[in-house]
């Protein structure tokens, strides 16, 4: 028997795998998992890299979660530049 939460988890994992495949990333190794994201070591365009996969918080309203995630990703991108 499948629950809605499990279906959402499967969709999140499938989406991240599809995204990495589209970007040309190879198999990845989980480095760490926290409350906000999973961090993987992988290769991209024949270079070692780190991939951070944020996952949805099911207890938040979807619109709020998307806005918080977008804001945090943008902040991390600015910090890298």
C-alpha atoms as a PDB file:
ATOM      1  CA  UNK A   1       0.000   0.000   0.000  1.00  0.00           C
ATOM      2  CA  UNK A   2       1.422   3.357  -1.013  1.00  0.00           C
ATOM      3  CA  UNK A   3       0.819   6.587   0.870  1.00  0.00           C
ATOM      4  CA  UNK A   4       0.773  10.078  -0.576  1.00  0.00           C
ATOM      5  CA  UNK A   5       3.973  10.984   1.314  1.00  0.00           C
ATOM      6  CA  UNK A   6       5.819   8.024  -0.216  1.00  0.00           C
ATOM      7  CA  UNK A   7       4.583   8.951  -3.683  1.00  0.00           C
ATOM      8  CA  UNK A   8       5.903  12.508  -3.191  1.00  0.00           C
ATOM      9  CA  UNK A   9       9.277  11.160  -2.000  1.00  0.00           C
ATOM     10  CA  UNK A  10       9.526   8.906  -5.050  1.00  0.00           C
ATOM     11  CA  UNK A  11       8.652  11.824  -7.340  1.00  0.00           C
ATOM     12  CA  UNK A  12      11.359  13.992  -5.710  1.00  0.00           C
ATOM     13  CA  UNK A  13      14.000  11.273  -6.163  1.00  0.00           C
ATOM     14  CA  UNK A  14      12.935  10.584  -9.773  1.00  0.00           C
ATOM     15  CA  UNK A  15      13.030  14.311 -10.546  1.00  0.00           C
ATOM     16  CA  UNK A  16      16.538  14.746  -9.134  1.00  0.00           C
ATOM     17  CA  UNK A  17      17.833  11.693 -11.019  1.00  0.00           C
ATOM     18  CA  UNK A  18      16.328  12.991 -14.243  1.00  0.00           C
ATOM     19  CA  UNK A  19      17.855  16.420 -13.665  1.00  0.00           C
ATOM     20  CA  UNK A  20      21.334  14.996 -13.050  1.00  0.00           C
ATOM     21  CA  UNK A  21      21.043  12.765 -16.123  1.00  0.00           C
ATOM     22  CA  UNK A  22      19.951  15.721 -18.266  1.00  0.00           C
ATOM     23  CA  UNK A  23      22.936  17.721 -17.072  1.00  0.00           C
ATOM     24  CA  UNK A  24      25.345  14.925 -17.957  1.00  0.00           C
ATOM     25  CA  UNK A  25      26.171  13.984 -14.364  1.00  0.00           C
ATOM     26  CA  UNK A  26      27.372  10.479 -13.612  1.00  0.00           C
ATOM     27  CA  UNK A  27      26.514   8.253 -10.655  1.00  0.00           C
ATOM     28  CA  UNK A  28      26.647  10.125  -7.402  1.00  0.00           C
ATOM     29  CA  UNK A  29      27.676   9.275  -3.842  1.00  0.00           C
ATOM     30  CA  UNK A  30      25.707  10.619  -0.908  1.00  0.00           C
ATOM     31  CA  UNK A  31      28.029  12.705   1.277  1.00  0.00           C
ATOM     32  CA  UNK A  32      25.554  14.090   3.783  1.00  0.00           C
ATOM     33  CA  UNK A  33      21.870  14.513   4.480  1.00  0.00           C
ATOM     34  CA  UNK A  34      20.400  17.174   6.704  1.00  0.00           C
ATOM     35  CA  UNK A  35      16.993  18.663   7.400  1.00  0.00           C
ATOM     36  CA  UNK A  36      17.068  20.815   4.268  1.00  0.00           C
ATOM     37  CA  UNK A  37      18.940  18.837   1.612  1.00  0.00           C
ATOM     38  CA  UNK A  38      21.079  15.911   0.502  1.00  0.00           C
ATOM     39  CA  UNK A  39      24.636  16.577  -0.707  1.00  0.00           C
ATOM     40  CA  UNK A  40      26.195  14.293  -3.329  1.00  0.00           C
ATOM     41  CA  UNK A  41      29.681  13.953  -4.805  1.00  0.00           C
ATOM     42  CA  UNK A  42      29.479  13.409  -8.543  1.00  0.00           C
ATOM     43  CA  UNK A  43      31.112  14.371 -11.823  1.00  0.00           C
ATOM     44  CA  UNK A  44      29.787  16.912 -14.291  1.00  0.00           C
ATOM     45  CA  UNK A  45      31.372  17.460 -17.697  1.00  0.00           C
ATOM     46  CA  UNK A  46      34.272  15.218 -16.591  1.00  0.00           C
ATOM     47  CA  UNK A  47      34.952  17.328 -13.479  1.00  0.00           C
ATOM     48  CA  UNK A  48      34.406  16.388  -9.850  1.00  0.00           C
ATOM     49  CA  UNK A  49      31.653  18.423  -8.244  1.00  0.00           C
ATOM     50  CA  UNK A  50      29.148  18.567  -5.428  1.00  0.00           C
ATOM     51  CA  UNK A  51      25.407  18.478  -6.057  1.00  0.00           C
ATOM     52  CA  UNK A  52      22.930  19.715  -3.471  1.00  0.00           C
ATOM     53  CA  UNK A  53      19.393  18.372  -3.714  1.00  0.00           C
ATOM     54  CA  UNK A  54      16.822  20.257  -1.681  1.00  0.00           C
ATOM     55  CA  UNK A  55      13.651  18.373  -0.885  1.00  0.00           C
ATOM     56  CA  UNK A  56      10.169  19.602  -0.205  1.00  0.00           C
ATOM     57  CA  UNK A  57       8.923  19.995   3.361  1.00  0.00           C
ATOM     58  CA  UNK A  58       5.560  18.270   3.460  1.00  0.00           C
ATOM     59  CA  UNK A  59       4.387  20.164   6.532  1.00  0.00           C
ATOM     60  CA  UNK A  60       4.655  23.538   4.751  1.00  0.00           C
ATOM     61  CA  UNK A  61       2.255  24.989   2.264  1.00  0.00           C
ATOM     62  CA  UNK A  62       3.642  24.220  -1.177  1.00  0.00           C
ATOM     63  CA  UNK A  63       3.799  27.880  -2.259  1.00  0.00           C
ATOM     64  CA  UNK A  64       5.646  28.888   0.911  1.00  0.00           C
ATOM     65  CA  UNK A  65       8.085  25.989   0.600  1.00  0.00           C
ATOM     66  CA  UNK A  66       8.839  26.848  -3.033  1.00  0.00           C
ATOM     67  CA  UNK A  67       9.448  30.496  -2.177  1.00  0.00           C
ATOM     68  CA  UNK A  68      11.764  29.653   0.748  1.00  0.00           C
ATOM     69  CA  UNK A  69      13.677  27.128  -1.356  1.00  0.00           C
ATOM     70  CA  UNK A  70      14.076  29.577  -4.251  1.00  0.00           C
ATOM     71  CA  UNK A  71      15.288  32.306  -1.874  1.00  0.00           C
ATOM     72  CA  UNK A  72      17.840  29.982  -0.233  1.00  0.00           C
ATOM     73  CA  UNK A  73      19.137  28.657  -3.555  1.00  0.00           C
ATOM     74  CA  UNK A  74      19.552  32.211  -4.867  1.00  0.00           C
ATOM     75  CA  UNK A  75      21.429  33.210  -1.709  1.00  0.00           C
ATOM     76  CA  UNK A  76      23.772  30.231  -2.027  1.00  0.00           C
ATOM     77  CA  UNK A  77      24.413  31.044  -5.682  1.00  0.00           C
ATOM     78  CA  UNK A  78      25.274  34.641  -4.814  1.00  0.00           C
ATOM     79  CA  UNK A  79      27.655  33.444  -2.109  1.00  0.00           C
ATOM     80  CA  UNK A  80      29.512  31.302  -4.651  1.00  0.00           C
ATOM     81  CA  UNK A  81      30.023  34.124  -7.141  1.00  0.00           C
END
